Amino acid sequence: PEPDAASASAPASTPAARSGRRRLR
């Protein structure tokens, strides 16, 4: 299954990245 279209374009929150890795959508 794919994520729905709404979640693909919704604004991302901005908490700090984990373990030095970048956060991804």
PDBML (XML) file of the C-alpha atoms, coordinates in Angstrom:
<?xml version="1.0" encoding="UTF-8" ?>
<PDBx:datablock datablockName="MODEL"
   xmlns:PDBx="http://pdbml.pdb.org/schema/pdbx-v50.xsd"
   xmlns:xsi="http://www.w3.org/2001/XMLSchema-instance"
   xsi:schemaLocation="http://pdbml.pdb.org/schema/pdbx-v50.xsd pdbx-v50.xsd">
   <PDBx:atom_siteCategory>
      <PDBx:atom_site id="1">
         <PDBx:B_iso_or_equiv>0.00</PDBx:B_iso_or_equiv>
         <PDBx:Cartn_x>0.000</PDBx:Cartn_x>
         <PDBx:Cartn_y>0.000</PDBx:Cartn_y>
         <PDBx:Cartn_z>0.000</PDBx:Cartn_z>
         <PDBx:auth_asym_id>A</PDBx:auth_asym_id>
         <PDBx:auth_atom_id>CA</PDBx:auth_atom_id>
         <PDBx:auth_comp_id>PRO</PDBx:auth_comp_id>
         <PDBx:auth_seq_id>1</PDBx:auth_seq_id>
         <PDBx:group_PDB>ATOM</PDBx:group_PDB>
         <PDBx:label_alt_id xsi:nil="true" />
         <PDBx:label_asym_id>A</PDBx:label_asym_id>
         <PDBx:label_atom_id>CA</PDBx:label_atom_id>
         <PDBx:label_comp_id>PRO</PDBx:label_comp_id>
         <PDBx:label_entity_id>1</PDBx:label_entity_id>
         <PDBx:label_seq_id>1</PDBx:label_seq_id>
         <PDBx:occupancy>1.00</PDBx:occupancy>
         <PDBx:pdbx_PDB_model_num>1</PDBx:pdbx_PDB_model_num>
         <PDBx:type_symbol>C</PDBx:type_symbol>
      </PDBx:atom_site>
      <PDBx:atom_site id="2">
         <PDBx:B_iso_or_equiv>0.00</PDBx:B_iso_or_equiv>
         <PDBx:Cartn_x>1.061</PDBx:Cartn_x>
         <PDBx:Cartn_y>3.563</PDBx:Cartn_y>
         <PDBx:Cartn_z>-0.741</PDBx:Cartn_z>
         <PDBx:auth_asym_id>A</PDBx:auth_asym_id>
         <PDBx:auth_atom_id>CA</PDBx:auth_atom_id>
         <PDBx:auth_comp_id>GLU</PDBx:auth_comp_id>
         <PDBx:auth_seq_id>2</PDBx:auth_seq_id>
         <PDBx:group_PDB>ATOM</PDBx:group_PDB>
         <PDBx:label_alt_id xsi:nil="true" />
         <PDBx:label_asym_id>A</PDBx:label_asym_id>
         <PDBx:label_atom_id>CA</PDBx:label_atom_id>
         <PDBx:label_comp_id>GLU</PDBx:label_comp_id>
         <PDBx:label_entity_id>1</PDBx:label_entity_id>
         <PDBx:label_seq_id>2</PDBx:label_seq_id>
         <PDBx:occupancy>1.00</PDBx:occupancy>
         <PDBx:pdbx_PDB_model_num>1</PDBx:pdbx_PDB_model_num>
         <PDBx:type_symbol>C</PDBx:type_symbol>
      </PDBx:atom_site>
      <PDBx:atom_site id="3">
         <PDBx:B_iso_or_equiv>0.00</PDBx:B_iso_or_equiv>
         <PDBx:Cartn_x>0.554</PDBx:Cartn_x>
         <PDBx:Cartn_y>6.558</PDBx:Cartn_y>
         <PDBx:Cartn_z>1.558</PDBx:Cartn_z>
         <PDBx:auth_asym_id>A</PDBx:auth_asym_id>
         <PDBx:auth_atom_id>CA</PDBx:auth_atom_id>
         <PDBx:auth_comp_id>PRO</PDBx:auth_comp_id>
         <PDBx:auth_seq_id>3</PDBx:auth_seq_id>
         <PDBx:group_PDB>ATOM</PDBx:group_PDB>
         <PDBx:label_alt_id xsi:nil="true" />
         <PDBx:label_asym_id>A</PDBx:label_asym_id>
         <PDBx:label_atom_id>CA</PDBx:label_atom_id>
         <PDBx:label_comp_id>PRO</PDBx:label_comp_id>
         <PDBx:label_entity_id>1</PDBx:label_entity_id>
         <PDBx:label_seq_id>3</PDBx:label_seq_id>
         <PDBx:occupancy>1.00</PDBx:occupancy>
         <PDBx:pdbx_PDB_model_num>1</PDBx:pdbx_PDB_model_num>
         <PDBx:type_symbol>C</PDBx:type_symbol>
      </PDBx:atom_site>
      <PDBx:atom_site id="4">
         <PDBx:B_iso_or_equiv>0.00</PDBx:B_iso_or_equiv>
         <PDBx:Cartn_x>-2.498</PDBx:Cartn_x>
         <PDBx:Cartn_y>8.595</PDBx:Cartn_y>
         <PDBx:Cartn_z>0.703</PDBx:Cartn_z>
         <PDBx:auth_asym_id>A</PDBx:auth_asym_id>
         <PDBx:auth_atom_id>CA</PDBx:auth_atom_id>
         <PDBx:auth_comp_id>ASP</PDBx:auth_comp_id>
         <PDBx:auth_seq_id>4</PDBx:auth_seq_id>
         <PDBx:group_PDB>ATOM</PDBx:group_PDB>
         <PDBx:label_alt_id xsi:nil="true" />
         <PDBx:label_asym_id>A</PDBx:label_asym_id>
         <PDBx:label_atom_id>CA</PDBx:label_atom_id>
         <PDBx:label_comp_id>ASP</PDBx:label_comp_id>
         <PDBx:label_entity_id>1</PDBx:label_entity_id>
         <PDBx:label_seq_id>4</PDBx:label_seq_id>
         <PDBx:occupancy>1.00</PDBx:occupancy>
         <PDBx:pdbx_PDB_model_num>1</PDBx:pdbx_PDB_model_num>
         <PDBx:type_symbol>C</PDBx:type_symbol>
      </PDBx:atom_site>
      <PDBx:atom_site id="5">
         <PDBx:B_iso_or_equiv>0.00</PDBx:B_iso_or_equiv>
         <PDBx:Cartn_x>-2.090</PDBx:Cartn_x>
         <PDBx:Cartn_y>11.694</PDBx:Cartn_y>
         <PDBx:Cartn_z>-1.397</PDBx:Cartn_z>
         <PDBx:auth_asym_id>A</PDBx:auth_asym_id>
         <PDBx:auth_atom_id>CA</PDBx:auth_atom_id>
         <PDBx:auth_comp_id>ALA</PDBx:auth_comp_id>
         <PDBx:auth_seq_id>5</PDBx:auth_seq_id>
         <PDBx:group_PDB>ATOM</PDBx:group_PDB>
         <PDBx:label_alt_id xsi:nil="true" />
         <PDBx:label_asym_id>A</PDBx:label_asym_id>
         <PDBx:label_atom_id>CA</PDBx:label_atom_id>
         <PDBx:label_comp_id>ALA</PDBx:label_comp_id>
         <PDBx:label_entity_id>1</PDBx:label_entity_id>
         <PDBx:label_seq_id>5</PDBx:label_seq_id>
         <PDBx:occupancy>1.00</PDBx:occupancy>
         <PDBx:pdbx_PDB_model_num>1</PDBx:pdbx_PDB_model_num>
         <PDBx:type_symbol>C</PDBx:type_symbol>
      </PDBx:atom_site>
      <PDBx:atom_site id="6">
         <PDBx:B_iso_or_equiv>0.00</PDBx:B_iso_or_equiv>
         <PDBx:Cartn_x>-2.924</PDBx:Cartn_x>
         <PDBx:Cartn_y>14.029</PDBx:Cartn_y>
         <PDBx:Cartn_z>1.454</PDBx:Cartn_z>
         <PDBx:auth_asym_id>A</PDBx:auth_asym_id>
         <PDBx:auth_atom_id>CA</PDBx:auth_atom_id>
         <PDBx:auth_comp_id>ALA</PDBx:auth_comp_id>
         <PDBx:auth_seq_id>6</PDBx:auth_seq_id>
         <PDBx:group_PDB>ATOM</PDBx:group_PDB>
         <PDBx:label_alt_id xsi:nil="true" />
         <PDBx:label_asym_id>A</PDBx:label_asym_id>
         <PDBx:label_atom_id>CA</PDBx:label_atom_id>
         <PDBx:label_comp_id>ALA</PDBx:label_comp_id>
         <PDBx:label_entity_id>1</PDBx:label_entity_id>
         <PDBx:label_seq_id>6</PDBx:label_seq_id>
         <PDBx:occupancy>1.00</PDBx:occupancy>
         <PDBx:pdbx_PDB_model_num>1</PDBx:pdbx_PDB_model_num>
         <PDBx:type_symbol>C</PDBx:type_symbol>
      </PDBx:atom_site>
      <PDBx:atom_site id="7">
         <PDBx:B_iso_or_equiv>0.00</PDBx:B_iso_or_equiv>
         <PDBx:Cartn_x>-0.111</PDBx:Cartn_x>
         <PDBx:Cartn_y>12.761</PDBx:Cartn_y>
         <PDBx:Cartn_z>3.630</PDBx:Cartn_z>
         <PDBx:auth_asym_id>A</PDBx:auth_asym_id>
         <PDBx:auth_atom_id>CA</PDBx:auth_atom_id>
         <PDBx:auth_comp_id>SER</PDBx:auth_comp_id>
         <PDBx:auth_seq_id>7</PDBx:auth_seq_id>
         <PDBx:group_PDB>ATOM</PDBx:group_PDB>
         <PDBx:label_alt_id xsi:nil="true" />
         <PDBx:label_asym_id>A</PDBx:label_asym_id>
         <PDBx:label_atom_id>CA</PDBx:label_atom_id>
         <PDBx:label_comp_id>SER</PDBx:label_comp_id>
         <PDBx:label_entity_id>1</PDBx:label_entity_id>
         <PDBx:label_seq_id>7</PDBx:label_seq_id>
         <PDBx:occupancy>1.00</PDBx:occupancy>
         <PDBx:pdbx_PDB_model_num>1</PDBx:pdbx_PDB_model_num>
         <PDBx:type_symbol>C</PDBx:type_symbol>
      </PDBx:atom_site>
      <PDBx:atom_site id="8">
         <PDBx:B_iso_or_equiv>0.00</PDBx:B_iso_or_equiv>
         <PDBx:Cartn_x>2.316</PDBx:Cartn_x>
         <PDBx:Cartn_y>13.027</PDBx:Cartn_y>
         <PDBx:Cartn_z>0.726</PDBx:Cartn_z>
         <PDBx:auth_asym_id>A</PDBx:auth_asym_id>
         <PDBx:auth_atom_id>CA</PDBx:auth_atom_id>
         <PDBx:auth_comp_id>ALA</PDBx:auth_comp_id>
         <PDBx:auth_seq_id>8</PDBx:auth_seq_id>
         <PDBx:group_PDB>ATOM</PDBx:group_PDB>
         <PDBx:label_alt_id xsi:nil="true" />
         <PDBx:label_asym_id>A</PDBx:label_asym_id>
         <PDBx:label_atom_id>CA</PDBx:label_atom_id>
         <PDBx:label_comp_id>ALA</PDBx:label_comp_id>
         <PDBx:label_entity_id>1</PDBx:label_entity_id>
         <PDBx:label_seq_id>8</PDBx:label_seq_id>
         <PDBx:occupancy>1.00</PDBx:occupancy>
         <PDBx:pdbx_PDB_model_num>1</PDBx:pdbx_PDB_model_num>
         <PDBx:type_symbol>C</PDBx:type_symbol>
      </PDBx:atom_site>
      <PDBx:atom_site id="9">
         <PDBx:B_iso_or_equiv>0.00</PDBx:B_iso_or_equiv>
         <PDBx:Cartn_x>1.852</PDBx:Cartn_x>
         <PDBx:Cartn_y>16.780</PDBx:Cartn_y>
         <PDBx:Cartn_z>0.549</PDBx:Cartn_z>
         <PDBx:auth_asym_id>A</PDBx:auth_asym_id>
         <PDBx:auth_atom_id>CA</PDBx:auth_atom_id>
         <PDBx:auth_comp_id>SER</PDBx:auth_comp_id>
         <PDBx:auth_seq_id>9</PDBx:auth_seq_id>
         <PDBx:group_PDB>ATOM</PDBx:group_PDB>
         <PDBx:label_alt_id xsi:nil="true" />
         <PDBx:label_asym_id>A</PDBx:label_asym_id>
         <PDBx:label_atom_id>CA</PDBx:label_atom_id>
         <PDBx:label_comp_id>SER</PDBx:label_comp_id>
         <PDBx:label_entity_id>1</PDBx:label_entity_id>
         <PDBx:label_seq_id>9</PDBx:label_seq_id>
         <PDBx:occupancy>1.00</PDBx:occupancy>
         <PDBx:pdbx_PDB_model_num>1</PDBx:pdbx_PDB_model_num>
         <PDBx:type_symbol>C</PDBx:type_symbol>
      </PDBx:atom_site>
      <PDBx:atom_site id="10">
         <PDBx:B_iso_or_equiv>0.00</PDBx:B_iso_or_equiv>
         <PDBx:Cartn_x>1.010</PDBx:Cartn_x>
         <PDBx:Cartn_y>17.727</PDBx:Cartn_y>
         <PDBx:Cartn_z>4.124</PDBx:Cartn_z>
         <PDBx:auth_asym_id>A</PDBx:auth_asym_id>
         <PDBx:auth_atom_id>CA</PDBx:auth_atom_id>
         <PDBx:auth_comp_id>ALA</PDBx:auth_comp_id>
         <PDBx:auth_seq_id>10</PDBx:auth_seq_id>
         <PDBx:group_PDB>ATOM</PDBx:group_PDB>
         <PDBx:label_alt_id xsi:nil="true" />
         <PDBx:label_asym_id>A</PDBx:label_asym_id>
         <PDBx:label_atom_id>CA</PDBx:label_atom_id>
         <PDBx:label_comp_id>ALA</PDBx:label_comp_id>
         <PDBx:label_entity_id>1</PDBx:label_entity_id>
         <PDBx:label_seq_id>10</PDBx:label_seq_id>
         <PDBx:occupancy>1.00</PDBx:occupancy>
         <PDBx:pdbx_PDB_model_num>1</PDBx:pdbx_PDB_model_num>
         <PDBx:type_symbol>C</PDBx:type_symbol>
      </PDBx:atom_site>
      <PDBx:atom_site id="11">
         <PDBx:B_iso_or_equiv>0.00</PDBx:B_iso_or_equiv>
         <PDBx:Cartn_x>3.409</PDBx:Cartn_x>
         <PDBx:Cartn_y>20.095</PDBx:Cartn_y>
         <PDBx:Cartn_z>5.892</PDBx:Cartn_z>
         <PDBx:auth_asym_id>A</PDBx:auth_asym_id>
         <PDBx:auth_atom_id>CA</PDBx:auth_atom_id>
         <PDBx:auth_comp_id>PRO</PDBx:auth_comp_id>
         <PDBx:auth_seq_id>11</PDBx:auth_seq_id>
         <PDBx:group_PDB>ATOM</PDBx:group_PDB>
         <PDBx:label_alt_id xsi:nil="true" />
         <PDBx:label_asym_id>A</PDBx:label_asym_id>
         <PDBx:label_atom_id>CA</PDBx:label_atom_id>
         <PDBx:label_comp_id>PRO</PDBx:label_comp_id>
         <PDBx:label_entity_id>1</PDBx:label_entity_id>
         <PDBx:label_seq_id>11</PDBx:label_seq_id>
         <PDBx:occupancy>1.00</PDBx:occupancy>
         <PDBx:pdbx_PDB_model_num>1</PDBx:pdbx_PDB_model_num>
         <PDBx:type_symbol>C</PDBx:type_symbol>
      </PDBx:atom_site>
      <PDBx:atom_site id="12">
         <PDBx:B_iso_or_equiv>0.00</PDBx:B_iso_or_equiv>
         <PDBx:Cartn_x>6.051</PDBx:Cartn_x>
         <PDBx:Cartn_y>18.276</PDBx:Cartn_y>
         <PDBx:Cartn_z>7.926</PDBx:Cartn_z>
         <PDBx:auth_asym_id>A</PDBx:auth_asym_id>
         <PDBx:auth_atom_id>CA</PDBx:auth_atom_id>
         <PDBx:auth_comp_id>ALA</PDBx:auth_comp_id>
         <PDBx:auth_seq_id>12</PDBx:auth_seq_id>
         <PDBx:group_PDB>ATOM</PDBx:group_PDB>
         <PDBx:label_alt_id xsi:nil="true" />
         <PDBx:label_asym_id>A</PDBx:label_asym_id>
         <PDBx:label_atom_id>CA</PDBx:label_atom_id>
         <PDBx:label_comp_id>ALA</PDBx:label_comp_id>
         <PDBx:label_entity_id>1</PDBx:label_entity_id>
         <PDBx:label_seq_id>12</PDBx:label_seq_id>
         <PDBx:occupancy>1.00</PDBx:occupancy>
         <PDBx:pdbx_PDB_model_num>1</PDBx:pdbx_PDB_model_num>
         <PDBx:type_symbol>C</PDBx:type_symbol>
      </PDBx:atom_site>
      <PDBx:atom_site id="13">
         <PDBx:B_iso_or_equiv>0.00</PDBx:B_iso_or_equiv>
         <PDBx:Cartn_x>6.650</PDBx:Cartn_x>
         <PDBx:Cartn_y>18.905</PDBx:Cartn_y>
         <PDBx:Cartn_z>11.590</PDBx:Cartn_z>
         <PDBx:auth_asym_id>A</PDBx:auth_asym_id>
         <PDBx:auth_atom_id>CA</PDBx:auth_atom_id>
         <PDBx:auth_comp_id>SER</PDBx:auth_comp_id>
         <PDBx:auth_seq_id>13</PDBx:auth_seq_id>
         <PDBx:group_PDB>ATOM</PDBx:group_PDB>
         <PDBx:label_alt_id xsi:nil="true" />
         <PDBx:label_asym_id>A</PDBx:label_asym_id>
         <PDBx:label_atom_id>CA</PDBx:label_atom_id>
         <PDBx:label_comp_id>SER</PDBx:label_comp_id>
         <PDBx:label_entity_id>1</PDBx:label_entity_id>
         <PDBx:label_seq_id>13</PDBx:label_seq_id>
         <PDBx:occupancy>1.00</PDBx:occupancy>
         <PDBx:pdbx_PDB_model_num>1</PDBx:pdbx_PDB_model_num>
         <PDBx:type_symbol>C</PDBx:type_symbol>
      </PDBx:atom_site>
      <PDBx:atom_site id="14">
         <PDBx:B_iso_or_equiv>0.00</PDBx:B_iso_or_equiv>
         <PDBx:Cartn_x>10.113</PDBx:Cartn_x>
         <PDBx:Cartn_y>19.989</PDBx:Cartn_y>
         <PDBx:Cartn_z>12.596</PDBx:Cartn_z>
         <PDBx:auth_asym_id>A</PDBx:auth_asym_id>
         <PDBx:auth_atom_id>CA</PDBx:auth_atom_id>
         <PDBx:auth_comp_id>THR</PDBx:auth_comp_id>
         <PDBx:auth_seq_id>14</PDBx:auth_seq_id>
         <PDBx:group_PDB>ATOM</PDBx:group_PDB>
         <PDBx:label_alt_id xsi:nil="true" />
         <PDBx:label_asym_id>A</PDBx:label_asym_id>
         <PDBx:label_atom_id>CA</PDBx:label_atom_id>
         <PDBx:label_comp_id>THR</PDBx:label_comp_id>
         <PDBx:label_entity_id>1</PDBx:label_entity_id>
         <PDBx:label_seq_id>14</PDBx:label_seq_id>
         <PDBx:occupancy>1.00</PDBx:occupancy>
         <PDBx:pdbx_PDB_model_num>1</PDBx:pdbx_PDB_model_num>
         <PDBx:type_symbol>C</PDBx:type_symbol>
      </PDBx:atom_site>
      <PDBx:atom_site id="15">
         <PDBx:B_iso_or_equiv>0.00</PDBx:B_iso_or_equiv>
         <PDBx:Cartn_x>11.428</PDBx:Cartn_x>
         <PDBx:Cartn_y>18.113</PDBx:Cartn_y>
         <PDBx:Cartn_z>15.591</PDBx:Cartn_z>
         <PDBx:auth_asym_id>A</PDBx:auth_asym_id>
         <PDBx:auth_atom_id>CA</PDBx:auth_atom_id>
         <PDBx:auth_comp_id>PRO</PDBx:auth_comp_id>
         <PDBx:auth_seq_id>15</PDBx:auth_seq_id>
         <PDBx:group_PDB>ATOM</PDBx:group_PDB>
         <PDBx:label_alt_id xsi:nil="true" />
         <PDBx:label_asym_id>A</PDBx:label_asym_id>
         <PDBx:label_atom_id>CA</PDBx:label_atom_id>
         <PDBx:label_comp_id>PRO</PDBx:label_comp_id>
         <PDBx:label_entity_id>1</PDBx:label_entity_id>
         <PDBx:label_seq_id>15</PDBx:label_seq_id>
         <PDBx:occupancy>1.00</PDBx:occupancy>
         <PDBx:pdbx_PDB_model_num>1</PDBx:pdbx_PDB_model_num>
         <PDBx:type_symbol>C</PDBx:type_symbol>
      </PDBx:atom_site>
      <PDBx:atom_site id="16">
         <PDBx:B_iso_or_equiv>0.00</PDBx:B_iso_or_equiv>
         <PDBx:Cartn_x>15.163</PDBx:Cartn_x>
         <PDBx:Cartn_y>17.499</PDBx:Cartn_y>
         <PDBx:Cartn_z>15.720</PDBx:Cartn_z>
         <PDBx:auth_asym_id>A</PDBx:auth_asym_id>
         <PDBx:auth_atom_id>CA</PDBx:auth_atom_id>
         <PDBx:auth_comp_id>ALA</PDBx:auth_comp_id>
         <PDBx:auth_seq_id>16</PDBx:auth_seq_id>
         <PDBx:group_PDB>ATOM</PDBx:group_PDB>
         <PDBx:label_alt_id xsi:nil="true" />
         <PDBx:label_asym_id>A</PDBx:label_asym_id>
         <PDBx:label_atom_id>CA</PDBx:label_atom_id>
         <PDBx:label_comp_id>ALA</PDBx:label_comp_id>
         <PDBx:label_entity_id>1</PDBx:label_entity_id>
         <PDBx:label_seq_id>16</PDBx:label_seq_id>
         <PDBx:occupancy>1.00</PDBx:occupancy>
         <PDBx:pdbx_PDB_model_num>1</PDBx:pdbx_PDB_model_num>
         <PDBx:type_symbol>C</PDBx:type_symbol>
      </PDBx:atom_site>
      <PDBx:atom_site id="17">
         <PDBx:B_iso_or_equiv>0.00</PDBx:B_iso_or_equiv>
         <PDBx:Cartn_x>16.622</PDBx:Cartn_x>
         <PDBx:Cartn_y>14.736</PDBx:Cartn_y>
         <PDBx:Cartn_z>13.563</PDBx:Cartn_z>
         <PDBx:auth_asym_id>A</PDBx:auth_asym_id>
         <PDBx:auth_atom_id>CA</PDBx:auth_atom_id>
         <PDBx:auth_comp_id>ALA</PDBx:auth_comp_id>
         <PDBx:auth_seq_id>17</PDBx:auth_seq_id>
         <PDBx:group_PDB>ATOM</PDBx:group_PDB>
         <PDBx:label_alt_id xsi:nil="true" />
         <PDBx:label_asym_id>A</PDBx:label_asym_id>
         <PDBx:label_atom_id>CA</PDBx:label_atom_id>
         <PDBx:label_comp_id>ALA</PDBx:label_comp_id>
         <PDBx:label_entity_id>1</PDBx:label_entity_id>
         <PDBx:label_seq_id>17</PDBx:label_seq_id>
         <PDBx:occupancy>1.00</PDBx:occupancy>
         <PDBx:pdbx_PDB_model_num>1</PDBx:pdbx_PDB_model_num>
         <PDBx:type_symbol>C</PDBx:type_symbol>
      </PDBx:atom_site>
      <PDBx:atom_site id="18">
         <PDBx:B_iso_or_equiv>0.00</PDBx:B_iso_or_equiv>
         <PDBx:Cartn_x>17.346</PDBx:Cartn_x>
         <PDBx:Cartn_y>11.420</PDBx:Cartn_y>
         <PDBx:Cartn_z>15.246</PDBx:Cartn_z>
         <PDBx:auth_asym_id>A</PDBx:auth_asym_id>
         <PDBx:auth_atom_id>CA</PDBx:auth_atom_id>
         <PDBx:auth_comp_id>ARG</PDBx:auth_comp_id>
         <PDBx:auth_seq_id>18</PDBx:auth_seq_id>
         <PDBx:group_PDB>ATOM</PDBx:group_PDB>
         <PDBx:label_alt_id xsi:nil="true" />
         <PDBx:label_asym_id>A</PDBx:label_asym_id>
         <PDBx:label_atom_id>CA</PDBx:label_atom_id>
         <PDBx:label_comp_id>ARG</PDBx:label_comp_id>
         <PDBx:label_entity_id>1</PDBx:label_entity_id>
         <PDBx:label_seq_id>18</PDBx:label_seq_id>
         <PDBx:occupancy>1.00</PDBx:occupancy>
         <PDBx:pdbx_PDB_model_num>1</PDBx:pdbx_PDB_model_num>
         <PDBx:type_symbol>C</PDBx:type_symbol>
      </PDBx:atom_site>
      <PDBx:atom_site id="19">
         <PDBx:B_iso_or_equiv>0.00</PDBx:B_iso_or_equiv>
         <PDBx:Cartn_x>20.878</PDBx:Cartn_x>
         <PDBx:Cartn_y>10.089</PDBx:Cartn_y>
         <PDBx:Cartn_z>15.777</PDBx:Cartn_z>
         <PDBx:auth_asym_id>A</PDBx:auth_asym_id>
         <PDBx:auth_atom_id>CA</PDBx:auth_atom_id>
         <PDBx:auth_comp_id>SER</PDBx:auth_comp_id>
         <PDBx:auth_seq_id>19</PDBx:auth_seq_id>
         <PDBx:group_PDB>ATOM</PDBx:group_PDB>
         <PDBx:label_alt_id xsi:nil="true" />
         <PDBx:label_asym_id>A</PDBx:label_asym_id>
         <PDBx:label_atom_id>CA</PDBx:label_atom_id>
         <PDBx:label_comp_id>SER</PDBx:label_comp_id>
         <PDBx:label_entity_id>1</PDBx:label_entity_id>
         <PDBx:label_seq_id>19</PDBx:label_seq_id>
         <PDBx:occupancy>1.00</PDBx:occupancy>
         <PDBx:pdbx_PDB_model_num>1</PDBx:pdbx_PDB_model_num>
         <PDBx:type_symbol>C</PDBx:type_symbol>
      </PDBx:atom_site>
      <PDBx:atom_site id="20">
         <PDBx:B_iso_or_equiv>0.00</PDBx:B_iso_or_equiv>
         <PDBx:Cartn_x>22.299</PDBx:Cartn_x>
         <PDBx:Cartn_y>12.663</PDBx:Cartn_y>
         <PDBx:Cartn_z>13.380</PDBx:Cartn_z>
         <PDBx:auth_asym_id>A</PDBx:auth_asym_id>
         <PDBx:auth_atom_id>CA</PDBx:auth_atom_id>
         <PDBx:auth_comp_id>GLY</PDBx:auth_comp_id>
         <PDBx:auth_seq_id>20</PDBx:auth_seq_id>
         <PDBx:group_PDB>ATOM</PDBx:group_PDB>
         <PDBx:label_alt_id xsi:nil="true" />
         <PDBx:label_asym_id>A</PDBx:label_asym_id>
         <PDBx:label_atom_id>CA</PDBx:label_atom_id>
         <PDBx:label_comp_id>GLY</PDBx:label_comp_id>
         <PDBx:label_entity_id>1</PDBx:label_entity_id>
         <PDBx:label_seq_id>20</PDBx:label_seq_id>
         <PDBx:occupancy>1.00</PDBx:occupancy>
         <PDBx:pdbx_PDB_model_num>1</PDBx:pdbx_PDB_model_num>
         <PDBx:type_symbol>C</PDBx:type_symbol>
      </PDBx:atom_site>
      <PDBx:atom_site id="21">
         <PDBx:B_iso_or_equiv>0.00</PDBx:B_iso_or_equiv>
         <PDBx:Cartn_x>20.150</PDBx:Cartn_x>
         <PDBx:Cartn_y>11.363</PDBx:Cartn_y>
         <PDBx:Cartn_z>10.507</PDBx:Cartn_z>
         <PDBx:auth_asym_id>A</PDBx:auth_asym_id>
         <PDBx:auth_atom_id>CA</PDBx:auth_atom_id>
         <PDBx:auth_comp_id>ARG</PDBx:auth_comp_id>
         <PDBx:auth_seq_id>21</PDBx:auth_seq_id>
         <PDBx:group_PDB>ATOM</PDBx:group_PDB>
         <PDBx:label_alt_id xsi:nil="true" />
         <PDBx:label_asym_id>A</PDBx:label_asym_id>
         <PDBx:label_atom_id>CA</PDBx:label_atom_id>
         <PDBx:label_comp_id>ARG</PDBx:label_comp_id>
         <PDBx:label_entity_id>1</PDBx:label_entity_id>
         <PDBx:label_seq_id>21</PDBx:label_seq_id>
         <PDBx:occupancy>1.00</PDBx:occupancy>
         <PDBx:pdbx_PDB_model_num>1</PDBx:pdbx_PDB_model_num>
         <PDBx:type_symbol>C</PDBx:type_symbol>
      </PDBx:atom_site>
      <PDBx:atom_site id="22">
         <PDBx:B_iso_or_equiv>0.00</PDBx:B_iso_or_equiv>
         <PDBx:Cartn_x>17.867</PDBx:Cartn_x>
         <PDBx:Cartn_y>13.497</PDBx:Cartn_y>
         <PDBx:Cartn_z>8.406</PDBx:Cartn_z>
         <PDBx:auth_asym_id>A</PDBx:auth_asym_id>
         <PDBx:auth_atom_id>CA</PDBx:auth_atom_id>
         <PDBx:auth_comp_id>ARG</PDBx:auth_comp_id>
         <PDBx:auth_seq_id>22</PDBx:auth_seq_id>
         <PDBx:group_PDB>ATOM</PDBx:group_PDB>
         <PDBx:label_alt_id xsi:nil="true" />
         <PDBx:label_asym_id>A</PDBx:label_asym_id>
         <PDBx:label_atom_id>CA</PDBx:label_atom_id>
         <PDBx:label_comp_id>ARG</PDBx:label_comp_id>
         <PDBx:label_entity_id>1</PDBx:label_entity_id>
         <PDBx:label_seq_id>22</PDBx:label_seq_id>
         <PDBx:occupancy>1.00</PDBx:occupancy>
         <PDBx:pdbx_PDB_model_num>1</PDBx:pdbx_PDB_model_num>
         <PDBx:type_symbol>C</PDBx:type_symbol>
      </PDBx:atom_site>
      <PDBx:atom_site id="23">
         <PDBx:B_iso_or_equiv>0.00</PDBx:B_iso_or_equiv>
         <PDBx:Cartn_x>14.133</PDBx:Cartn_x>
         <PDBx:Cartn_y>13.189</PDBx:Cartn_y>
         <PDBx:Cartn_z>8.747</PDBx:Cartn_z>
         <PDBx:auth_asym_id>A</PDBx:auth_asym_id>
         <PDBx:auth_atom_id>CA</PDBx:auth_atom_id>
         <PDBx:auth_comp_id>ARG</PDBx:auth_comp_id>
         <PDBx:auth_seq_id>23</PDBx:auth_seq_id>
         <PDBx:group_PDB>ATOM</PDBx:group_PDB>
         <PDBx:label_alt_id xsi:nil="true" />
         <PDBx:label_asym_id>A</PDBx:label_asym_id>
         <PDBx:label_atom_id>CA</PDBx:label_atom_id>
         <PDBx:label_comp_id>ARG</PDBx:label_comp_id>
         <PDBx:label_entity_id>1</PDBx:label_entity_id>
         <PDBx:label_seq_id>23</PDBx:label_seq_id>
         <PDBx:occupancy>1.00</PDBx:occupancy>
         <PDBx:pdbx_PDB_model_num>1</PDBx:pdbx_PDB_model_num>
         <PDBx:type_symbol>C</PDBx:type_symbol>
      </PDBx:atom_site>
      <PDBx:atom_site id="24">
         <PDBx:B_iso_or_equiv>0.00</PDBx:B_iso_or_equiv>
         <PDBx:Cartn_x>12.356</PDBx:Cartn_x>
         <PDBx:Cartn_y>11.959</PDBx:Cartn_y>
         <PDBx:Cartn_z>5.663</PDBx:Cartn_z>
         <PDBx:auth_asym_id>A</PDBx:auth_asym_id>
         <PDBx:auth_atom_id>CA</PDBx:auth_atom_id>
         <PDBx:auth_comp_id>LEU</PDBx:auth_comp_id>
         <PDBx:auth_seq_id>24</PDBx:auth_seq_id>
         <PDBx:group_PDB>ATOM</PDBx:group_PDB>
         <PDBx:label_alt_id xsi:nil="true" />
         <PDBx:label_asym_id>A</PDBx:label_asym_id>
         <PDBx:label_atom_id>CA</PDBx:label_atom_id>
         <PDBx:label_comp_id>LEU</PDBx:label_comp_id>
         <PDBx:label_entity_id>1</PDBx:label_entity_id>
         <PDBx:label_seq_id>24</PDBx:label_seq_id>
         <PDBx:occupancy>1.00</PDBx:occupancy>
         <PDBx:pdbx_PDB_model_num>1</PDBx:pdbx_PDB_model_num>
         <PDBx:type_symbol>C</PDBx:type_symbol>
      </PDBx:atom_site>
      <PDBx:atom_site id="25">
         <PDBx:B_iso_or_equiv>0.00</PDBx:B_iso_or_equiv>
         <PDBx:Cartn_x>8.958</PDBx:Cartn_x>
         <PDBx:Cartn_y>11.912</PDBx:Cartn_y>
         <PDBx:Cartn_z>4.068</PDBx:Cartn_z>
         <PDBx:auth_asym_id>A</PDBx:auth_asym_id>
         <PDBx:auth_atom_id>CA</PDBx:auth_atom_id>
         <PDBx:auth_comp_id>ARG</PDBx:auth_comp_id>
         <PDBx:auth_seq_id>25</PDBx:auth_seq_id>
         <PDBx:group_PDB>ATOM</PDBx:group_PDB>
         <PDBx:label_alt_id xsi:nil="true" />
         <PDBx:label_asym_id>A</PDBx:label_asym_id>
         <PDBx:label_atom_id>CA</PDBx:label_atom_id>
         <PDBx:label_comp_id>ARG</PDBx:label_comp_id>
         <PDBx:label_entity_id>1</PDBx:label_entity_id>
         <PDBx:label_seq_id>25</PDBx:label_seq_id>
         <PDBx:occupancy>1.00</PDBx:occupancy>
         <PDBx:pdbx_PDB_model_num>1</PDBx:pdbx_PDB_model_num>
         <PDBx:type_symbol>C</PDBx:type_symbol>
      </PDBx:atom_site>
   </PDBx:atom_siteCategory>
</PDBx:datablock>
